[in-house]
Amino acid sequence: MSCGQCEGIEEEFDQAAVRRKLRRFHRRGPDTTTRLLIEALREALGDGDGRDTVLLDIGGGVGAIHHALLGDRVARAVHVDASSSALAVGREETERRGHGARVEFVRGDFVSVGPNMPDADVVTLDRVICCYHDMPRLVGLAASKTRRFFAAVYPRPAWWMRVAFAGSNVLLRLRRSAFRVFVHDPHAIDERLRAAGLGQRHLQRTLGWEVALYERGHR
């Protein structure tokens, strides 16, 4: 991958880091904001959607979203990640759960590989927008691939989140990591999604994060 940020993601989310995330997932289940995103999608998707609905999970990590939705809400999933370790661990967990034949794993920078990928009924970016430097290209491409629902978790632009992210970036520089984190303007994210024909259906805030669900054609 030529994307410097993606090379940083590969370094930051290595086998040790992803294994820690998987152990935490086994102990506690999805993180709070991931759980809120899953709940919003489960409510938006009907009971019968599991027969043919396709999920595109960008930056899927250990696969928490498709693990929760496969079966009664989603029929198939595509898991894209810039971290080869996240893909390997996500695939391992998916096969352990008996869903190996229903999930496709794609490694790469979504902005690079996404244009050649088919559209999906549901597109998710769980704490992914904050890990990418070019928000307009990432969100715009993800929105263009969305047939029905777009769901994302991203940081609130509160001062404490800006301070926390700035501190994280200082530490990353000291470690000579190419990875950086970003607090993108939620209004700019919203404008990009609305320009693509998606309207906000649900928004929930925690102390540091926004959990947003958009629907195509929703006003």
N, C-alpha and C. Protein backbone atom coordinates (compact mmCIF):
# COMPACT_ATOMS: atom_id res chain seq x y z
N MET A 1 0.84 -1.19 0.00
CA MET A 1 0.00 0.00 0.00
C MET A 1 0.88 1.24 0.00
N SER A 2 0.60 2.20 -0.89
CA SER A 2 1.38 3.41 -0.97
C SER A 2 0.92 4.47 0.03
N CYS A 3 -0.27 4.32 0.57
CA CYS A 3 -0.80 5.29 1.52
C CYS A 3 0.01 5.25 2.82
N GLY A 4 0.64 6.40 3.18
CA GLY A 4 1.46 6.42 4.39
C GLY A 4 0.66 6.12 5.64
N GLN A 5 -0.56 6.65 5.71
CA GLN A 5 -1.41 6.38 6.87
C GLN A 5 -1.74 4.89 6.96
N CYS A 6 -1.95 4.26 5.81
CA CYS A 6 -2.26 2.83 5.81
C CYS A 6 -1.06 2.00 6.25
N GLU A 7 0.14 2.45 5.89
CA GLU A 7 1.33 1.77 6.37
C GLU A 7 1.43 1.90 7.90
N GLY A 8 1.02 3.07 8.40
CA GLY A 8 0.97 3.26 9.85
C GLY A 8 -0.05 2.36 10.51
N ILE A 9 -1.21 2.16 9.86
CA ILE A 9 -2.24 1.26 10.38
C ILE A 9 -1.70 -0.16 10.46
N GLU A 10 -0.98 -0.58 9.42
CA GLU A 10 -0.40 -1.93 9.41
C GLU A 10 0.56 -2.11 10.59
N GLU A 11 1.31 -1.07 10.89
CA GLU A 11 2.27 -1.13 11.99
C GLU A 11 1.57 -1.05 13.35
N GLU A 12 0.59 -0.17 13.45
CA GLU A 12 -0.08 0.06 14.75
C GLU A 12 -0.96 -1.12 15.14
N PHE A 13 -1.68 -1.67 14.18
CA PHE A 13 -2.60 -2.79 14.45
C PHE A 13 -1.93 -4.08 14.00
N ASP A 14 -0.88 -4.45 14.73
CA ASP A 14 -0.14 -5.68 14.42
C ASP A 14 -0.80 -6.86 15.14
N GLN A 15 -0.18 -8.02 15.03
CA GLN A 15 -0.77 -9.22 15.62
C GLN A 15 -1.03 -9.07 17.12
N ALA A 16 -0.07 -8.50 17.85
CA ALA A 16 -0.22 -8.37 19.30
C ALA A 16 -1.40 -7.47 19.63
N ALA A 17 -1.50 -6.33 18.93
CA ALA A 17 -2.59 -5.38 19.22
C ALA A 17 -3.94 -5.97 18.87
N VAL A 18 -4.03 -6.64 17.74
CA VAL A 18 -5.32 -7.20 17.31
C VAL A 18 -5.73 -8.37 18.20
N ARG A 19 -4.76 -9.18 18.64
CA ARG A 19 -5.07 -10.27 19.55
C ARG A 19 -5.61 -9.74 20.88
N ARG A 20 -5.05 -8.63 21.35
CA ARG A 20 -5.57 -8.02 22.57
C ARG A 20 -7.02 -7.59 22.38
N LYS A 21 -7.32 -7.00 21.21
CA LYS A 21 -8.69 -6.59 20.92
C LYS A 21 -9.62 -7.79 20.88
N LEU A 22 -9.15 -8.90 20.31
CA LEU A 22 -9.99 -10.09 20.23
C LEU A 22 -10.26 -10.65 21.63
N ARG A 23 -9.24 -10.68 22.49
CA ARG A 23 -9.44 -11.18 23.85
C ARG A 23 -10.45 -10.31 24.59
N ARG A 24 -10.34 -9.00 24.40
CA ARG A 24 -11.29 -8.09 25.03
C ARG A 24 -12.70 -8.33 24.49
N PHE A 25 -12.80 -8.55 23.19
CA PHE A 25 -14.09 -8.83 22.56
C PHE A 25 -14.71 -10.11 23.12
N HIS A 26 -13.89 -11.14 23.32
CA HIS A 26 -14.38 -12.39 23.89
C HIS A 26 -14.88 -12.21 25.33
N ARG A 27 -14.18 -11.36 26.08
CA ARG A 27 -14.56 -11.14 27.48
C ARG A 27 -15.79 -10.25 27.64
N ARG A 28 -15.84 -9.17 26.84
CA ARG A 28 -16.83 -8.12 27.09
C ARG A 28 -17.82 -7.90 25.96
N GLY A 29 -17.56 -8.53 24.80
CA GLY A 29 -18.40 -8.24 23.65
C GLY A 29 -17.97 -6.95 22.98
N PRO A 30 -18.78 -6.41 22.09
CA PRO A 30 -18.41 -5.18 21.38
C PRO A 30 -18.24 -4.00 22.34
N ASP A 31 -17.37 -3.06 21.96
CA ASP A 31 -17.26 -1.81 22.71
C ASP A 31 -18.61 -1.10 22.72
N THR A 32 -18.76 -0.17 23.67
CA THR A 32 -20.05 0.50 23.84
C THR A 32 -20.56 1.14 22.55
N THR A 33 -19.71 1.90 21.87
CA THR A 33 -20.17 2.57 20.66
C THR A 33 -20.45 1.58 19.53
N THR A 34 -19.67 0.50 19.45
CA THR A 34 -19.94 -0.52 18.45
C THR A 34 -21.28 -1.19 18.73
N ARG A 35 -21.56 -1.45 20.00
CA ARG A 35 -22.85 -2.04 20.37
C ARG A 35 -24.00 -1.11 19.99
N LEU A 36 -23.83 0.19 20.22
CA LEU A 36 -24.88 1.15 19.86
C LEU A 36 -25.10 1.18 18.35
N LEU A 37 -24.02 1.09 17.58
CA LEU A 37 -24.14 1.04 16.12
C LEU A 37 -24.88 -0.22 15.69
N ILE A 38 -24.53 -1.35 16.27
CA ILE A 38 -25.18 -2.62 15.94
C ILE A 38 -26.66 -2.56 16.28
N GLU A 39 -27.00 -2.01 17.44
CA GLU A 39 -28.40 -1.91 17.84
C GLU A 39 -29.19 -1.03 16.88
N ALA A 40 -28.60 0.07 16.44
CA ALA A 40 -29.28 0.95 15.49
C ALA A 40 -29.53 0.23 14.17
N LEU A 41 -28.55 -0.54 13.71
CA LEU A 41 -28.72 -1.28 12.46
C LEU A 41 -29.74 -2.40 12.60
N ARG A 42 -29.73 -3.08 13.74
CA ARG A 42 -30.70 -4.16 13.94
C ARG A 42 -32.12 -3.62 13.92
N GLU A 43 -32.29 -2.44 14.49
CA GLU A 43 -33.63 -1.84 14.49
C GLU A 43 -34.03 -1.39 13.09
N ALA A 44 -33.07 -0.85 12.33
CA ALA A 44 -33.38 -0.35 10.99
C ALA A 44 -33.65 -1.48 10.00
N LEU A 45 -32.90 -2.58 10.13
CA LEU A 45 -33.08 -3.73 9.25
C LEU A 45 -34.22 -4.60 9.75
N GLY A 46 -35.05 -5.08 8.86
CA GLY A 46 -36.16 -5.93 9.26
C GLY A 46 -35.75 -7.37 9.48
N ASP A 47 -36.66 -8.14 10.09
CA ASP A 47 -36.37 -9.55 10.38
C ASP A 47 -36.07 -10.36 9.13
N GLY A 48 -36.66 -9.98 8.02
CA GLY A 48 -36.47 -10.75 6.79
C GLY A 48 -35.28 -10.34 5.97
N ASP A 49 -34.56 -9.31 6.41
CA ASP A 49 -33.45 -8.81 5.62
C ASP A 49 -32.28 -9.77 5.56
N GLY A 50 -32.18 -10.68 6.51
CA GLY A 50 -31.05 -11.59 6.58
C GLY A 50 -30.94 -12.53 5.40
N ARG A 51 -31.97 -12.60 4.57
CA ARG A 51 -31.95 -13.53 3.44
C ARG A 51 -31.02 -13.07 2.31
N ASP A 52 -30.91 -11.74 2.10
CA ASP A 52 -30.14 -11.28 0.95
C ASP A 52 -29.34 -10.00 1.18
N THR A 53 -29.35 -9.45 2.36
CA THR A 53 -28.66 -8.20 2.63
C THR A 53 -27.15 -8.39 2.68
N VAL A 54 -26.42 -7.48 2.04
CA VAL A 54 -24.96 -7.52 2.00
C VAL A 54 -24.41 -6.35 2.81
N LEU A 55 -23.45 -6.66 3.67
CA LEU A 55 -22.77 -5.67 4.51
C LEU A 55 -21.36 -5.43 3.99
N LEU A 56 -20.97 -4.17 3.90
CA LEU A 56 -19.59 -3.79 3.61
C LEU A 56 -19.04 -3.12 4.86
N ASP A 57 -18.15 -3.80 5.55
CA ASP A 57 -17.58 -3.29 6.80
C ASP A 57 -16.16 -2.81 6.53
N ILE A 58 -16.00 -1.49 6.50
CA ILE A 58 -14.71 -0.88 6.18
C ILE A 58 -13.92 -0.68 7.47
N GLY A 59 -12.70 -1.22 7.49
CA GLY A 59 -11.91 -1.18 8.72
C GLY A 59 -12.53 -2.08 9.78
N GLY A 60 -12.89 -3.28 9.37
CA GLY A 60 -13.71 -4.17 10.21
C GLY A 60 -13.03 -4.73 11.44
N GLY A 61 -11.72 -4.63 11.57
CA GLY A 61 -11.04 -5.11 12.78
C GLY A 61 -11.25 -6.59 13.00
N VAL A 62 -11.71 -6.96 14.20
CA VAL A 62 -11.93 -8.38 14.51
C VAL A 62 -13.27 -8.88 13.99
N GLY A 63 -14.05 -7.98 13.36
CA GLY A 63 -15.31 -8.40 12.75
C GLY A 63 -16.52 -8.32 13.65
N ALA A 64 -16.47 -7.49 14.68
CA ALA A 64 -17.57 -7.43 15.66
C ALA A 64 -18.92 -7.17 15.01
N ILE A 65 -18.96 -6.31 14.00
CA ILE A 65 -20.24 -5.94 13.39
C ILE A 65 -20.83 -7.10 12.62
N HIS A 66 -20.04 -7.72 11.74
CA HIS A 66 -20.65 -8.82 10.97
C HIS A 66 -20.86 -10.06 11.83
N HIS A 67 -20.09 -10.25 12.90
CA HIS A 67 -20.38 -11.36 13.81
C HIS A 67 -21.78 -11.20 14.40
N ALA A 68 -22.16 -9.97 14.70
CA ALA A 68 -23.46 -9.70 15.33
C ALA A 68 -24.62 -9.76 14.34
N LEU A 69 -24.38 -9.38 13.09
CA LEU A 69 -25.49 -9.22 12.15
C LEU A 69 -25.68 -10.39 11.20
N LEU A 70 -24.65 -11.22 11.00
CA LEU A 70 -24.82 -12.35 10.09
C LEU A 70 -25.90 -13.30 10.62
N GLY A 71 -26.78 -13.69 9.74
CA GLY A 71 -27.83 -14.62 10.15
C GLY A 71 -29.19 -13.98 10.03
N ASP A 72 -29.60 -13.23 11.06
CA ASP A 72 -30.95 -12.70 11.04
C ASP A 72 -31.07 -11.33 10.40
N ARG A 73 -29.94 -10.62 10.17
CA ARG A 73 -30.02 -9.29 9.57
C ARG A 73 -29.19 -9.17 8.29
N VAL A 74 -28.14 -9.94 8.16
CA VAL A 74 -27.23 -9.85 7.01
C VAL A 74 -26.94 -11.24 6.49
N ALA A 75 -26.96 -11.39 5.16
CA ALA A 75 -26.68 -12.69 4.55
C ALA A 75 -25.20 -12.88 4.27
N ARG A 76 -24.55 -11.82 3.79
CA ARG A 76 -23.14 -11.89 3.45
C ARG A 76 -22.45 -10.60 3.88
N ALA A 77 -21.14 -10.67 4.03
CA ALA A 77 -20.37 -9.49 4.42
C ALA A 77 -19.06 -9.43 3.67
N VAL A 78 -18.60 -8.21 3.44
CA VAL A 78 -17.27 -7.96 2.90
C VAL A 78 -16.52 -7.15 3.95
N HIS A 79 -15.39 -7.67 4.38
CA HIS A 79 -14.59 -7.08 5.46
C HIS A 79 -13.32 -6.52 4.84
N VAL A 80 -13.19 -5.18 4.85
CA VAL A 80 -12.02 -4.51 4.26
C VAL A 80 -11.18 -3.93 5.39
N ASP A 81 -9.87 -4.13 5.31
CA ASP A 81 -9.00 -3.56 6.34
C ASP A 81 -7.61 -3.34 5.76
N ALA A 82 -6.96 -2.26 6.22
CA ALA A 82 -5.59 -1.99 5.80
C ALA A 82 -4.58 -2.78 6.61
N SER A 83 -5.03 -3.41 7.70
CA SER A 83 -4.15 -4.20 8.56
C SER A 83 -4.25 -5.68 8.20
N SER A 84 -3.14 -6.27 7.79
CA SER A 84 -3.14 -7.70 7.47
C SER A 84 -3.40 -8.53 8.72
N SER A 85 -2.96 -8.06 9.88
CA SER A 85 -3.20 -8.79 11.13
C SER A 85 -4.68 -8.79 11.48
N ALA A 86 -5.35 -7.64 11.30
CA ALA A 86 -6.78 -7.57 11.57
C ALA A 86 -7.55 -8.52 10.66
N LEU A 87 -7.15 -8.58 9.40
CA LEU A 87 -7.82 -9.49 8.47
C LEU A 87 -7.61 -10.94 8.88
N ALA A 88 -6.39 -11.30 9.25
CA ALA A 88 -6.10 -12.68 9.64
C ALA A 88 -6.88 -13.09 10.88
N VAL A 89 -6.90 -12.23 11.88
CA VAL A 89 -7.61 -12.54 13.12
C VAL A 89 -9.12 -12.51 12.88
N GLY A 90 -9.60 -11.55 12.09
CA GLY A 90 -11.02 -11.50 11.77
C GLY A 90 -11.48 -12.73 11.02
N ARG A 91 -10.66 -13.19 10.08
CA ARG A 91 -11.00 -14.41 9.34
C ARG A 91 -11.03 -15.63 10.26
N GLU A 92 -10.04 -15.71 11.14
CA GLU A 92 -9.97 -16.83 12.08
C GLU A 92 -11.22 -16.88 12.97
N GLU A 93 -11.62 -15.72 13.48
CA GLU A 93 -12.80 -15.67 14.35
C GLU A 93 -14.07 -15.98 13.57
N THR A 94 -14.12 -15.51 12.33
CA THR A 94 -15.29 -15.77 11.48
C THR A 94 -15.43 -17.27 11.21
N GLU A 95 -14.32 -17.92 10.90
CA GLU A 95 -14.36 -19.36 10.66
C GLU A 95 -14.71 -20.12 11.93
N ARG A 96 -14.22 -19.66 13.07
CA ARG A 96 -14.55 -20.30 14.34
C ARG A 96 -16.05 -20.27 14.60
N ARG A 97 -16.69 -19.20 14.14
CA ARG A 97 -18.14 -19.04 14.33
C ARG A 97 -18.96 -19.73 13.23
N GLY A 98 -18.28 -20.35 12.26
CA GLY A 98 -18.98 -21.07 11.21
C GLY A 98 -19.48 -20.21 10.07
N HIS A 99 -18.94 -18.99 9.93
CA HIS A 99 -19.41 -18.07 8.90
C HIS A 99 -18.38 -17.84 7.80
N GLY A 100 -17.38 -18.70 7.73
CA GLY A 100 -16.29 -18.48 6.79
C GLY A 100 -16.72 -18.34 5.35
N ALA A 101 -17.73 -19.09 4.93
CA ALA A 101 -18.18 -19.06 3.55
C ALA A 101 -19.00 -17.82 3.22
N ARG A 102 -19.36 -17.04 4.24
CA ARG A 102 -20.27 -15.91 4.02
C ARG A 102 -19.58 -14.56 4.14
N VAL A 103 -18.27 -14.56 4.38
CA VAL A 103 -17.54 -13.31 4.53
C VAL A 103 -16.34 -13.30 3.59
N GLU A 104 -16.23 -12.22 2.82
CA GLU A 104 -15.07 -12.01 1.95
C GLU A 104 -14.13 -11.01 2.62
N PHE A 105 -12.85 -11.31 2.63
CA PHE A 105 -11.87 -10.45 3.27
C PHE A 105 -11.00 -9.79 2.20
N VAL A 106 -10.88 -8.47 2.31
CA VAL A 106 -10.13 -7.69 1.32
C VAL A 106 -9.13 -6.81 2.07
N ARG A 107 -7.86 -6.93 1.71
CA ARG A 107 -6.85 -6.07 2.33
C ARG A 107 -6.55 -4.87 1.44
N GLY A 108 -6.49 -3.70 2.07
CA GLY A 108 -6.10 -2.52 1.32
C GLY A 108 -6.70 -1.25 1.85
N ASP A 109 -6.23 -0.14 1.31
CA ASP A 109 -6.79 1.18 1.56
C ASP A 109 -8.11 1.25 0.80
N PHE A 110 -9.22 1.44 1.50
CA PHE A 110 -10.52 1.42 0.85
C PHE A 110 -10.61 2.47 -0.26
N VAL A 111 -9.98 3.61 -0.07
CA VAL A 111 -10.02 4.64 -1.10
C VAL A 111 -9.40 4.14 -2.40
N SER A 112 -8.45 3.21 -2.30
CA SER A 112 -7.81 2.63 -3.49
C SER A 112 -8.57 1.43 -4.04
N VAL A 113 -9.01 0.53 -3.15
CA VAL A 113 -9.65 -0.71 -3.61
C VAL A 113 -11.16 -0.57 -3.79
N GLY A 114 -11.76 0.42 -3.11
CA GLY A 114 -13.20 0.56 -3.12
C GLY A 114 -13.85 0.82 -4.46
N PRO A 115 -13.24 1.63 -5.33
CA PRO A 115 -13.90 1.91 -6.61
C PRO A 115 -14.23 0.67 -7.42
N ASN A 116 -13.47 -0.41 -7.26
CA ASN A 116 -13.71 -1.64 -8.01
C ASN A 116 -14.59 -2.64 -7.28
N MET A 117 -15.10 -2.24 -6.11
CA MET A 117 -15.94 -3.15 -5.33
C MET A 117 -17.41 -2.87 -5.61
N PRO A 118 -18.27 -3.90 -5.53
CA PRO A 118 -19.70 -3.69 -5.77
C PRO A 118 -20.36 -2.93 -4.61
N ASP A 119 -21.52 -2.38 -4.89
CA ASP A 119 -22.29 -1.70 -3.85
C ASP A 119 -22.78 -2.70 -2.81
N ALA A 120 -23.14 -2.19 -1.64
CA ALA A 120 -23.66 -3.04 -0.56
C ALA A 120 -24.90 -2.39 0.04
N ASP A 121 -25.76 -3.20 0.61
CA ASP A 121 -26.97 -2.67 1.25
C ASP A 121 -26.62 -1.83 2.48
N VAL A 122 -25.63 -2.29 3.23
CA VAL A 122 -25.22 -1.62 4.47
C VAL A 122 -23.71 -1.39 4.42
N VAL A 123 -23.30 -0.17 4.73
CA VAL A 123 -21.87 0.16 4.79
C VAL A 123 -21.58 0.70 6.19
N THR A 124 -20.54 0.19 6.83
CA THR A 124 -20.20 0.61 8.18
C THR A 124 -18.73 1.05 8.27
N LEU A 125 -18.50 2.08 9.08
CA LEU A 125 -17.15 2.55 9.40
C LEU A 125 -17.13 2.84 10.90
N ASP A 126 -16.71 1.86 11.66
CA ASP A 126 -16.71 1.96 13.12
C ASP A 126 -15.34 2.46 13.61
N ARG A 127 -15.27 3.73 14.01
CA ARG A 127 -14.02 4.36 14.44
C ARG A 127 -12.94 4.21 13.35
N VAL A 128 -13.36 4.45 12.13
CA VAL A 128 -12.47 4.35 10.98
C VAL A 128 -12.21 5.74 10.38
N ILE A 129 -13.22 6.59 10.35
CA ILE A 129 -13.06 7.93 9.79
C ILE A 129 -11.96 8.68 10.53
N CYS A 130 -11.87 8.45 11.84
CA CYS A 130 -10.85 9.14 12.65
C CYS A 130 -9.45 8.59 12.41
N CYS A 131 -9.34 7.49 11.68
CA CYS A 131 -8.04 6.89 11.38
C CYS A 131 -7.59 7.18 9.96
N TYR A 132 -8.30 8.07 9.27
CA TYR A 132 -7.96 8.34 7.87
C TYR A 132 -7.82 9.84 7.66
N HIS A 133 -6.77 10.22 6.95
CA HIS A 133 -6.44 11.64 6.77
C HIS A 133 -7.37 12.36 5.80
N ASP A 134 -7.87 11.65 4.78
CA ASP A 134 -8.68 12.28 3.74
C ASP A 134 -10.14 11.90 3.92
N MET A 135 -10.80 12.57 4.86
CA MET A 135 -12.20 12.25 5.16
C MET A 135 -13.11 12.39 3.94
N PRO A 136 -13.03 13.48 3.16
CA PRO A 136 -13.97 13.61 2.04
C PRO A 136 -13.91 12.44 1.06
N ARG A 137 -12.71 11.98 0.72
CA ARG A 137 -12.60 10.86 -0.22
C ARG A 137 -13.12 9.58 0.39
N LEU A 138 -12.77 9.31 1.64
CA LEU A 138 -13.21 8.08 2.30
C LEU A 138 -14.73 8.04 2.44
N VAL A 139 -15.30 9.09 3.02
CA VAL A 139 -16.74 9.11 3.26
C VAL A 139 -17.51 9.19 1.94
N GLY A 140 -17.00 9.98 1.00
CA GLY A 140 -17.69 10.09 -0.28
C GLY A 140 -17.75 8.77 -1.02
N LEU A 141 -16.63 8.03 -1.03
CA LEU A 141 -16.62 6.73 -1.71
C LEU A 141 -17.50 5.73 -0.98
N ALA A 142 -17.41 5.69 0.35
CA ALA A 142 -18.24 4.77 1.13
C ALA A 142 -19.73 5.06 0.89
N ALA A 143 -20.08 6.34 0.85
CA ALA A 143 -21.48 6.72 0.61
C ALA A 143 -21.94 6.27 -0.77
N SER A 144 -21.06 6.39 -1.75
CA SER A 144 -21.43 6.01 -3.12
C SER A 144 -21.68 4.51 -3.25
N LYS A 145 -21.13 3.72 -2.32
CA LYS A 145 -21.31 2.27 -2.33
C LYS A 145 -22.53 1.82 -1.53
N THR A 146 -23.23 2.76 -0.91
CA THR A 146 -24.33 2.44 0.01
C THR A 146 -25.66 2.40 -0.72
N ARG A 147 -26.31 1.24 -0.70
CA ARG A 147 -27.64 1.13 -1.30
C ARG A 147 -28.73 1.54 -0.32
N ARG A 148 -28.56 1.21 0.98
CA ARG A 148 -29.64 1.48 1.94
C ARG A 148 -29.15 2.25 3.17
N PHE A 149 -28.28 1.63 3.96
CA PHE A 149 -27.88 2.24 5.24
C PHE A 149 -26.37 2.44 5.32
N PHE A 150 -26.00 3.59 5.88
CA PHE A 150 -24.61 3.93 6.16
C PHE A 150 -24.53 4.20 7.66
N ALA A 151 -23.63 3.50 8.36
CA ALA A 151 -23.51 3.68 9.80
C ALA A 151 -22.05 3.90 10.16
N ALA A 152 -21.81 4.86 11.06
CA ALA A 152 -20.42 5.19 11.40
C ALA A 152 -20.32 5.66 12.84
N VAL A 153 -19.15 5.45 13.41
CA VAL A 153 -18.79 6.00 14.72
C VAL A 153 -17.56 6.87 14.51
N TYR A 154 -17.63 8.11 14.97
CA TYR A 154 -16.51 9.04 14.82
C TYR A 154 -16.47 9.97 16.04
N PRO A 155 -15.32 10.59 16.32
CA PRO A 155 -15.20 11.39 17.55
C PRO A 155 -16.00 12.69 17.49
N ARG A 156 -16.53 13.06 18.65
CA ARG A 156 -17.14 14.38 18.78
C ARG A 156 -16.04 15.44 18.74
N PRO A 157 -16.35 16.64 18.23
CA PRO A 157 -15.33 17.69 18.16
C PRO A 157 -15.20 18.46 19.48
N ALA A 158 -15.36 17.77 20.59
CA ALA A 158 -15.26 18.39 21.91
C ALA A 158 -13.79 18.65 22.24
N TRP A 159 -13.55 19.65 23.10
CA TRP A 159 -12.17 20.03 23.39
C TRP A 159 -11.39 18.89 24.00
N TRP A 160 -12.06 18.08 24.84
CA TRP A 160 -11.34 16.98 25.49
C TRP A 160 -10.93 15.89 24.49
N MET A 161 -11.72 15.71 23.45
CA MET A 161 -11.33 14.75 22.43
C MET A 161 -10.18 15.30 21.58
N ARG A 162 -10.22 16.60 21.30
CA ARG A 162 -9.13 17.20 20.55
C ARG A 162 -7.81 17.12 21.33
N VAL A 163 -7.90 17.36 22.64
CA VAL A 163 -6.70 17.26 23.47
C VAL A 163 -6.19 15.82 23.50
N ALA A 164 -7.12 14.87 23.68
CA ALA A 164 -6.72 13.46 23.74
C ALA A 164 -6.09 13.00 22.43
N PHE A 165 -6.67 13.41 21.30
CA PHE A 165 -6.13 13.00 20.01
C PHE A 165 -4.79 13.68 19.75
N ALA A 166 -4.66 14.94 20.15
CA ALA A 166 -3.38 15.63 19.98
C ALA A 166 -2.29 14.95 20.80
N GLY A 167 -2.64 14.55 22.03
CA GLY A 167 -1.68 13.83 22.88
C GLY A 167 -1.29 12.50 22.27
N SER A 168 -2.26 11.80 21.70
CA SER A 168 -1.96 10.52 21.04
C SER A 168 -1.00 10.72 19.88
N ASN A 169 -1.21 11.78 19.12
CA ASN A 169 -0.35 12.03 17.97
C ASN A 169 1.07 12.40 18.38
N VAL A 170 1.20 13.09 19.51
CA VAL A 170 2.54 13.38 20.03
C VAL A 170 3.27 12.08 20.35
N LEU A 171 2.58 11.17 21.04
CA LEU A 171 3.19 9.89 21.38
C LEU A 171 3.54 9.09 20.13
N LEU A 172 2.67 9.14 19.13
CA LEU A 172 2.93 8.42 17.89
C LEU A 172 4.17 8.97 17.19
N ARG A 173 4.32 10.29 17.21
CA ARG A 173 5.52 10.89 16.60
C ARG A 173 6.78 10.46 17.35
N LEU A 174 6.70 10.46 18.69
CA LEU A 174 7.87 10.06 19.48
C LEU A 174 8.26 8.61 19.19
N ARG A 175 7.27 7.78 18.89
CA ARG A 175 7.54 6.38 18.55
C ARG A 175 7.92 6.20 17.08
N ARG A 176 7.93 7.31 16.33
CA ARG A 176 8.25 7.31 14.89
C ARG A 176 7.25 6.48 14.08
N SER A 177 6.02 6.47 14.56
CA SER A 177 4.95 5.78 13.84
C SER A 177 4.37 6.71 12.78
N ALA A 178 4.01 6.16 11.62
CA ALA A 178 3.37 6.93 10.56
C ALA A 178 1.87 7.10 10.81
N PHE A 179 1.35 6.39 11.78
CA PHE A 179 -0.09 6.42 12.07
C PHE A 179 -0.45 7.71 12.79
N ARG A 180 -1.60 8.29 12.44
CA ARG A 180 -2.14 9.46 13.11
C ARG A 180 -3.65 9.30 13.29
N VAL A 181 -4.20 10.04 14.25
CA VAL A 181 -5.65 10.04 14.48
C VAL A 181 -6.16 11.46 14.25
N PHE A 182 -7.45 11.55 13.86
CA PHE A 182 -8.02 12.82 13.42
C PHE A 182 -9.41 13.03 14.00
N VAL A 183 -9.71 14.27 14.35
CA VAL A 183 -11.06 14.66 14.72
C VAL A 183 -11.63 15.47 13.55
N HIS A 184 -12.33 14.80 12.67
CA HIS A 184 -12.93 15.46 11.52
C HIS A 184 -14.25 16.13 11.93
N ASP A 185 -14.60 17.20 11.28
CA ASP A 185 -15.81 17.95 11.59
C ASP A 185 -17.06 17.13 11.24
N PRO A 186 -17.91 16.80 12.24
CA PRO A 186 -19.12 16.03 11.95
C PRO A 186 -20.05 16.71 10.95
N HIS A 187 -20.06 18.06 10.94
CA HIS A 187 -20.90 18.77 9.97
C HIS A 187 -20.40 18.53 8.55
N ALA A 188 -19.09 18.46 8.38
CA ALA A 188 -18.54 18.17 7.06
C ALA A 188 -18.84 16.74 6.64
N ILE A 189 -18.81 15.82 7.60
CA ILE A 189 -19.19 14.42 7.31
C ILE A 189 -20.64 14.37 6.88
N ASP A 190 -21.50 15.06 7.63
CA ASP A 190 -22.94 15.09 7.32
C ASP A 190 -23.19 15.68 5.93
N GLU A 191 -22.51 16.77 5.60
CA GLU A 191 -22.69 17.39 4.28
C GLU A 191 -22.29 16.45 3.16
N ARG A 192 -21.20 15.72 3.37
CA ARG A 192 -20.73 14.78 2.35
C ARG A 192 -21.76 13.67 2.14
N LEU A 193 -22.35 13.18 3.22
CA LEU A 193 -23.33 12.10 3.12
C LEU A 193 -24.64 12.59 2.49
N ARG A 194 -25.08 13.77 2.89
CA ARG A 194 -26.32 14.31 2.32
C ARG A 194 -26.15 14.60 0.82
N ALA A 195 -24.96 15.04 0.43
CA ALA A 195 -24.69 15.28 -0.99
C ALA A 195 -24.78 13.99 -1.80
N ALA A 196 -24.55 12.86 -1.13
CA ALA A 196 -24.62 11.55 -1.79
C ALA A 196 -26.03 10.95 -1.73
N GLY A 197 -26.99 11.70 -1.20
CA GLY A 197 -28.38 11.23 -1.16
C GLY A 197 -28.75 10.47 0.09
N LEU A 198 -27.93 10.58 1.15
CA LEU A 198 -28.22 9.90 2.41
C LEU A 198 -28.69 10.90 3.45
N GLY A 199 -29.75 10.54 4.18
CA GLY A 199 -30.27 11.41 5.23
C GLY A 199 -30.10 10.77 6.59
N GLN A 200 -29.87 11.59 7.60
CA GLN A 200 -29.63 11.06 8.94
C GLN A 200 -30.92 10.51 9.56
N ARG A 201 -30.86 9.26 9.95
CA ARG A 201 -32.01 8.60 10.56
C ARG A 201 -31.86 8.48 12.08
N HIS A 202 -30.63 8.40 12.55
CA HIS A 202 -30.39 8.18 13.98
C HIS A 202 -29.05 8.78 14.35
N LEU A 203 -28.99 9.46 15.50
CA LEU A 203 -27.73 9.98 16.02
C LEU A 203 -27.74 9.85 17.53
N GLN A 204 -26.69 9.24 18.04
CA GLN A 204 -26.54 9.08 19.49
C GLN A 204 -25.12 9.48 19.88
N ARG A 205 -25.01 10.21 20.98
CA ARG A 205 -23.71 10.68 21.42
C ARG A 205 -23.34 10.07 22.76
N THR A 206 -22.07 9.71 22.89
CA THR A 206 -21.50 9.36 24.19
C THR A 206 -20.58 10.52 24.59
N LEU A 207 -19.83 10.35 25.64
CA LEU A 207 -18.96 11.42 26.08
C LEU A 207 -17.98 11.86 24.99
N GLY A 208 -17.47 10.88 24.24
CA GLY A 208 -16.45 11.21 23.26
C GLY A 208 -16.79 10.91 21.81
N TRP A 209 -17.92 10.23 21.56
CA TRP A 209 -18.16 9.72 20.21
C TRP A 209 -19.58 10.01 19.73
N GLU A 210 -19.74 10.04 18.41
CA GLU A 210 -21.04 10.11 17.79
C GLU A 210 -21.29 8.80 17.03
N VAL A 211 -22.50 8.26 17.20
CA VAL A 211 -22.92 7.04 16.51
C VAL A 211 -24.04 7.45 15.56
N ALA A 212 -23.78 7.42 14.27
CA ALA A 212 -24.73 7.96 13.30
C ALA A 212 -25.18 6.89 12.31
N LEU A 213 -26.46 6.93 11.99
CA LEU A 213 -27.05 6.03 10.99
C LEU A 213 -27.75 6.87 9.94
N TYR A 214 -27.38 6.66 8.69
CA TYR A 214 -27.98 7.36 7.56
C TYR A 214 -28.71 6.35 6.67
N GLU A 215 -29.75 6.84 6.01
CA GLU A 215 -30.53 5.98 5.10
C GLU A 215 -30.68 6.68 3.76
N ARG A 216 -30.54 5.92 2.70
CA ARG A 216 -30.67 6.53 1.38
C ARG A 216 -32.11 7.00 1.17
N GLY A 217 -32.23 8.26 0.76
CA GLY A 217 -33.54 8.84 0.51
C GLY A 217 -34.26 9.34 1.75
N HIS A 218 -33.66 9.15 2.94
CA HIS A 218 -34.32 9.60 4.17
C HIS A 218 -34.23 11.13 4.27
N ARG A 219 -35.30 11.75 4.71
CA ARG A 219 -35.33 13.21 4.87
C ARG A 219 -35.54 13.58 6.33
